[in-house]
Protein backbone atom coordinates (compact mmCIF):
# COMPACT_ATOMS: atom_id res chain seq x y z
CA UNK A 1 10.72 23.46 -130.90
CA UNK A 2 12.58 22.46 -127.76
CA UNK A 3 10.59 20.78 -124.98
CA UNK A 4 11.38 21.33 -121.28
CA UNK A 5 9.65 19.54 -118.42
CA UNK A 6 9.26 20.82 -114.88
CA UNK A 7 10.27 18.42 -112.12
CA UNK A 8 6.64 17.69 -111.24
CA UNK A 9 5.78 17.06 -114.91
CA UNK A 10 8.66 14.59 -115.28
CA UNK A 11 7.55 12.71 -112.16
CA UNK A 12 3.92 12.61 -113.29
CA UNK A 13 4.93 11.38 -116.73
CA UNK A 14 6.99 8.55 -115.24
CA UNK A 15 4.13 7.51 -112.95
CA UNK A 16 1.52 7.51 -115.71
CA UNK A 17 0.56 4.24 -117.33
CA UNK A 18 0.00 6.25 -120.55
CA UNK A 19 3.44 7.90 -120.52
CA UNK A 20 4.33 6.83 -124.09
CA UNK A 21 1.09 8.20 -125.57
CA UNK A 22 1.43 11.49 -123.64
CA UNK A 23 5.08 11.93 -124.66
CA UNK A 24 4.26 11.18 -128.30
CA UNK A 25 1.49 13.83 -128.29
CA UNK A 26 3.82 16.40 -126.70
CA UNK A 27 6.56 15.65 -129.25
CA UNK A 28 4.08 15.87 -132.15
CA UNK A 29 2.82 19.23 -130.88
CA UNK A 30 6.40 20.51 -130.46
CA UNK A 31 7.22 19.48 -134.03
CA UNK A 32 4.19 21.32 -135.40
CA UNK A 33 2.66 23.68 -132.81
CA UNK A 34 -0.96 24.50 -133.52
CA UNK A 35 -2.73 26.44 -130.76
CA UNK A 36 -5.99 26.21 -132.70
CA UNK A 37 -6.02 22.41 -132.43
CA UNK A 38 -9.27 21.14 -130.83
CA UNK A 39 -7.36 19.37 -128.02
CA UNK A 40 -5.45 22.55 -127.05
CA UNK A 41 -7.20 25.28 -125.05
CA UNK A 42 -5.92 28.43 -123.38
CA UNK A 43 -6.61 28.49 -119.64
CA UNK A 44 -8.78 31.41 -118.56
CA UNK A 45 -6.89 34.30 -117.01
CA UNK A 46 -3.48 32.66 -117.57
CA UNK A 47 -0.70 32.53 -120.13
CA UNK A 48 -0.86 28.73 -120.06
CA UNK A 49 -2.58 26.17 -122.23
CA UNK A 50 -3.86 22.67 -121.67
CA UNK A 51 -3.59 19.75 -124.02
CA UNK A 52 -6.08 16.90 -123.73
CA UNK A 53 -4.62 13.41 -124.10
CA UNK A 54 -7.49 11.00 -123.47
CA UNK A 55 -8.28 11.35 -119.73
CA UNK A 56 -4.98 13.13 -118.97
CA UNK A 57 -4.15 16.84 -119.24
CA UNK A 58 -0.84 18.52 -120.04
CA UNK A 59 -0.46 22.10 -118.77
CA UNK A 60 2.12 24.05 -120.79
CA UNK A 61 3.28 27.44 -122.00
CA UNK A 62 5.38 28.60 -124.93
CA UNK A 63 8.34 30.88 -124.18
CA UNK A 64 10.78 31.96 -126.91
CA UNK A 65 10.32 28.87 -129.11
CA UNK A 66 10.47 26.55 -126.05
CA UNK A 67 7.53 24.37 -125.04
CA UNK A 68 7.56 24.39 -121.23
CA UNK A 69 5.55 21.53 -119.73
CA UNK A 70 4.46 22.69 -116.27
CA UNK A 71 2.31 19.77 -115.15
CA UNK A 72 0.76 16.50 -116.28
CA UNK A 73 -2.11 14.78 -114.52
CA UNK A 74 -5.49 13.10 -114.66
CA UNK A 75 -8.42 15.23 -115.79
CA UNK A 76 -10.09 15.33 -112.38
CA UNK A 77 -7.15 16.57 -110.32
CA UNK A 78 -4.86 18.57 -112.61
CA UNK A 79 -6.60 21.88 -111.94
CA UNK A 80 -6.51 21.57 -108.13
CA UNK A 81 -4.13 23.86 -106.30
């Protein structure tokens, strides 16, 4: 599965001190997508999902066999705005 990052997700990934771990988790999920995984949850009222990577969250959606990473951020602030 192809992975595409939004501009804000790319910036957040570069700024994160856990960028390697987050990228590895995203790549592993793209290689074998499993929406029933305990660290993946559908966001209420949205077509998006969140992936938990320690204290960071990855907000994504799947469109036509493409994993679109919308945002990446710390647990406390990712859902704001």
